[in-house]
């Protein structure tokens, strides 16, 4: 991805984040708003960690022989996070990378992606509960 595309993506993400945060504050009171806010913040954290990982990769901090491990990790995470699967075990970082910053960022990303999956499940359950209550009222 070239720098221009990357900057556009970052700008779009932050604009959407701001709109979502505003909507949550105005329209989702109480516990529901708290859960959605936590989901939004966790999305922001994972996006930031992806940004840091991309930077570290572009600066050459990952060794060539580490690329296959990173690709495998990426594929596992993609399957785990989307679509959200509450029964899927969390993917773990099974090794340290030569660069301690890369290891740290990926460890944080792994932790937050697991939390994201948990929040997705919670939101999906709440949405189902709300729909069930609405149908019962009719």
Foldseek 3Di string as FASTA:
>chain_A
DDPVVVVVVVVVLVVVLVVQLVCLVPPPDDPRSVLVVVLSVLVVLLVVLVVVLVVCVVVPVADPVCVVVVVVVVVVLVVPQVPQDVVDDQDDDPDATPDNVNRVSVRVNSVSSVVNSVSSVVNVVVVVVVVVVVVVVD
